[in-house]
Each structure stands twice: as structure tokens, then as C-alpha cells.
Amino acid sequence: MPYSDFKTFKGRPVLVFKELGKEDLLVLPLTTNLSRDGVKITKDDIKKGSLKKDSVVIVPKLTAIDSSLIQEENFIARLKTKSFGRVHREICLGFECCDE
């Protein structure tokens, strides 16, 4: 994930939000800093795989990246549909594309 200056990068877990064709993905970074703005996820939100610690999906940091940066063998978990819906709703509210 790039830092906000886009000059340096850090390997970190992300939620793949949407595929943009074959080459690009929209992703949201995760953090274990539970005081961050975003959507909190816990082991109860996981459909497949596991989450080591409760985390926050940092919704304000929606970023497009090249799909080659995501390796299938590094997938750690898949969110339940309802939990993914909470993330989707927060994005819509942030972009004012849906009603509260």
C-alpha cells in the first residue's frame, strides 16, 4: 500500500473491494488500530480463513492498485456478505452516493 505521499510503500493487509478489469483492483487497507475511522471487523465477520486480530477496514483510503501486487497464496480471509455490505455502505456514505 502506498503512503499518502505515494513516494513510499508498505506491505500490509488489504480488503479487495472490487476488480477493475483484469489489471486493477480497488482495495482498502486494514489496521489493528481500532481507534481508526472505518469499519471494525472481527472473527465473526469472516466467512473463510481467519483474522489474527480484530481490525478496522480504513474506508477513507480506497485505492486502486495493479492486481499483480496481490498474490492468491497471501489471501488470509473472506468476509461474510453482510460484513462486506457494511464496508460497501460506508464507502457509499463517504462518497454521498446513497442515503443514510
C-alpha atoms as a PDB file:
ATOM      1  CA  MET A   1       0.000   0.000   0.000  1.00  0.00           C
ATOM      2  CA  PRO A   2       1.315   3.429  -0.816  1.00  0.00           C
ATOM      3  CA  TYR A   3       1.621   6.012   1.914  1.00  0.00           C
ATOM      4  CA  SER A   4      -0.428   9.138   1.233  1.00  0.00           C
ATOM      5  CA  ASP A   5       2.614  10.823  -0.362  1.00  0.00           C
ATOM      6  CA  PHE A   6       2.760   7.949  -2.935  1.00  0.00           C
ATOM      7  CA  LYS A   7       6.576   8.000  -2.632  1.00  0.00           C
ATOM      8  CA  THR A   8       6.941   5.078  -0.238  1.00  0.00           C
ATOM      9  CA  PHE A   9       5.090   1.809   0.181  1.00  0.00           C
ATOM     10  CA  LYS A  10       4.405  -0.646   2.962  1.00  0.00           C
ATOM     11  CA  GLY A  11       3.321  -4.254   2.745  1.00  0.00           C
ATOM     12  CA  ARG A  12       0.070  -4.562   4.648  1.00  0.00           C
ATOM     13  CA  PRO A  13      -3.195  -6.480   4.552  1.00  0.00           C
ATOM     14  CA  VAL A  14      -5.944  -5.073   2.365  1.00  0.00           C
ATOM     15  CA  LEU A  15      -9.553  -5.812   1.588  1.00  0.00           C
ATOM     16  CA  VAL A  16     -10.037  -6.296  -2.140  1.00  0.00           C
ATOM     17  CA  PHE A  17     -13.183  -4.295  -2.721  1.00  0.00           C
ATOM     18  CA  LYS A  18     -13.641  -4.555  -6.491  1.00  0.00           C
ATOM     19  CA  GLU A  19     -11.895  -5.759  -9.625  1.00  0.00           C
ATOM     20  CA  LEU A  20     -11.483  -3.056 -12.265  1.00  0.00           C
ATOM     21  CA  GLY A  21     -10.935  -5.184 -15.322  1.00  0.00           C
ATOM     22  CA  LYS A  22      -8.068  -7.677 -15.432  1.00  0.00           C
ATOM     23  CA  GLU A  23      -5.284  -5.345 -14.368  1.00  0.00           C
ATOM     24  CA  ASP A  24      -6.505  -3.193 -11.464  1.00  0.00           C
ATOM     25  CA  LEU A  25      -8.182  -3.638  -8.099  1.00  0.00           C
ATOM     26  CA  LEU A  26      -9.840  -1.251  -5.674  1.00  0.00           C
ATOM     27  CA  VAL A  27      -8.505  -2.045  -2.200  1.00  0.00           C
ATOM     28  CA  LEU A  28      -8.902  -0.765   1.342  1.00  0.00           C
ATOM     29  CA  PRO A  29      -6.100  -1.145   3.907  1.00  0.00           C
ATOM     30  CA  LEU A  30      -6.635  -2.889   7.229  1.00  0.00           C
ATOM     31  CA  THR A  31      -5.225  -1.863  10.583  1.00  0.00           C
ATOM     32  CA  THR A  32      -5.314  -3.336  14.062  1.00  0.00           C
ATOM     33  CA  ASN A  33      -5.511   0.220  15.452  1.00  0.00           C
ATOM     34  CA  LEU A  34      -9.161   0.049  16.485  1.00  0.00           C
ATOM     35  CA  SER A  35      -9.377   3.805  17.031  1.00  0.00           C
ATOM     36  CA  ARG A  36      -9.047   4.496  13.288  1.00  0.00           C
ATOM     37  CA  ASP A  37     -12.058   5.612  11.245  1.00  0.00           C
ATOM     38  CA  GLY A  38     -13.552   2.785   9.233  1.00  0.00           C
ATOM     39  CA  VAL A  39     -15.435  -0.465   9.653  1.00  0.00           C
ATOM     40  CA  LYS A  40     -14.404  -2.759  12.501  1.00  0.00           C
ATOM     41  CA  ILE A  41     -14.184  -6.437  11.585  1.00  0.00           C
ATOM     42  CA  THR A  42     -13.772  -9.389  13.916  1.00  0.00           C
ATOM     43  CA  LYS A  43     -13.528 -13.156  13.549  1.00  0.00           C
ATOM     44  CA  ASP A  44     -17.345 -13.188  13.464  1.00  0.00           C
ATOM     45  CA  ASP A  45     -17.230 -11.292  10.144  1.00  0.00           C
ATOM     46  CA  ILE A  46     -15.097 -13.938   8.443  1.00  0.00           C
ATOM     47  CA  LYS A  47     -16.675 -16.444   6.057  1.00  0.00           C
ATOM     48  CA  LYS A  48     -13.492 -18.326   5.107  1.00  0.00           C
ATOM     49  CA  GLY A  49      -9.979 -18.161   6.527  1.00  0.00           C
ATOM     50  CA  SER A  50      -9.045 -16.386   9.743  1.00  0.00           C
ATOM     51  CA  LEU A  51      -8.248 -12.996  11.182  1.00  0.00           C
ATOM     52  CA  LYS A  52      -5.469 -12.923  13.808  1.00  0.00           C
ATOM     53  CA  LYS A  53      -6.704  -9.721  15.466  1.00  0.00           C
ATOM     54  CA  ASP A  54      -9.778  -7.528  15.336  1.00  0.00           C
ATOM     55  CA  SER A  55      -9.136  -4.925  12.647  1.00  0.00           C
ATOM     56  CA  VAL A  56     -10.524  -1.819  11.001  1.00  0.00           C
ATOM     57  CA  VAL A  57     -11.093  -1.501   7.269  1.00  0.00           C
ATOM     58  CA  ILE A  58      -9.856   2.031   6.617  1.00  0.00           C
ATOM     59  CA  VAL A  59     -12.681   3.137   4.329  1.00  0.00           C
ATOM     60  CA  PRO A  60     -11.377   6.654   3.638  1.00  0.00           C
ATOM     61  CA  LYS A  61      -8.248   5.129   1.994  1.00  0.00           C
ATOM     62  CA  LEU A  62      -9.876   3.491  -1.034  1.00  0.00           C
ATOM     63  CA  THR A  63      -7.013   2.974  -3.524  1.00  0.00           C
ATOM     64  CA  ALA A  64      -6.574   1.458  -6.985  1.00  0.00           C
ATOM     65  CA  ILE A  65      -3.581  -0.854  -7.357  1.00  0.00           C
ATOM     66  CA  ASP A  66      -2.202  -3.183 -10.004  1.00  0.00           C
ATOM     67  CA  SER A  67      -3.601  -6.674  -9.490  1.00  0.00           C
ATOM     68  CA  SER A  68      -0.099  -8.165  -9.733  1.00  0.00           C
ATOM     69  CA  LEU A  69       0.580  -6.788  -6.228  1.00  0.00           C
ATOM     70  CA  ILE A  70      -1.944  -9.237  -4.758  1.00  0.00           C
ATOM     71  CA  GLN A  71      -0.892 -12.877  -4.662  1.00  0.00           C
ATOM     72  CA  GLU A  72      -3.526 -15.607  -4.209  1.00  0.00           C
ATOM     73  CA  GLU A  73      -1.306 -17.501  -1.757  1.00  0.00           C
ATOM     74  CA  ASN A  74      -1.362 -14.443   0.521  1.00  0.00           C
ATOM     75  CA  PHE A  75      -5.157 -14.382   0.910  1.00  0.00           C
ATOM     76  CA  ILE A  76      -5.963 -14.658   4.614  1.00  0.00           C
ATOM     77  CA  ALA A  77      -9.739 -14.415   4.793  1.00  0.00           C
ATOM     78  CA  ARG A  78     -13.012 -13.721   3.003  1.00  0.00           C
ATOM     79  CA  LEU A  79     -15.688 -11.539   4.582  1.00  0.00           C
ATOM     80  CA  LYS A  80     -19.279 -12.656   5.021  1.00  0.00           C
ATOM     81  CA  THR A  81     -21.693 -10.963   2.612  1.00  0.00           C
ATOM     82  CA  LYS A  82     -23.327  -8.955   5.411  1.00  0.00           C
ATOM     83  CA  SER A  83     -19.940  -7.697   6.654  1.00  0.00           C
ATOM     84  CA  PHE A  84     -18.835  -6.741   3.144  1.00  0.00           C
ATOM     85  CA  GLY A  85     -22.151  -4.889   2.839  1.00  0.00           C
ATOM     86  CA  ARG A  86     -21.235  -2.762   5.879  1.00  0.00           C
ATOM     87  CA  VAL A  87     -17.985  -1.755   4.154  1.00  0.00           C
ATOM     88  CA  HIS A  88     -19.843  -1.024   0.905  1.00  0.00           C
ATOM     89  CA  ARG A  89     -22.356   1.148   2.750  1.00  0.00           C
ATOM     90  CA  GLU A  90     -19.607   3.173   4.440  1.00  0.00           C
ATOM     91  CA  ILE A  91     -17.983   3.806   1.058  1.00  0.00           C
ATOM     92  CA  CYS A  92     -21.322   4.921  -0.391  1.00  0.00           C
ATOM     93  CA  LEU A  93     -21.946   7.235   2.547  1.00  0.00           C
ATOM     94  CA  GLY A  94     -18.456   8.674   2.221  1.00  0.00           C
ATOM     95  CA  PHE A  95     -18.936   9.393  -1.472  1.00  0.00           C
ATOM     96  CA  GLU A  96     -22.516  10.531  -0.872  1.00  0.00           C
ATOM     97  CA  CYS A  97     -23.863   8.038  -3.397  1.00  0.00           C
ATOM     98  CA  CYS A  98     -26.505   6.590  -1.066  1.00  0.00           C
ATOM     99  CA  ASP A  99     -28.836   7.781   1.675  1.00  0.00           C
ATOM    100  CA  GLU A 100     -28.275   7.122   5.375  1.00  0.00           C
END
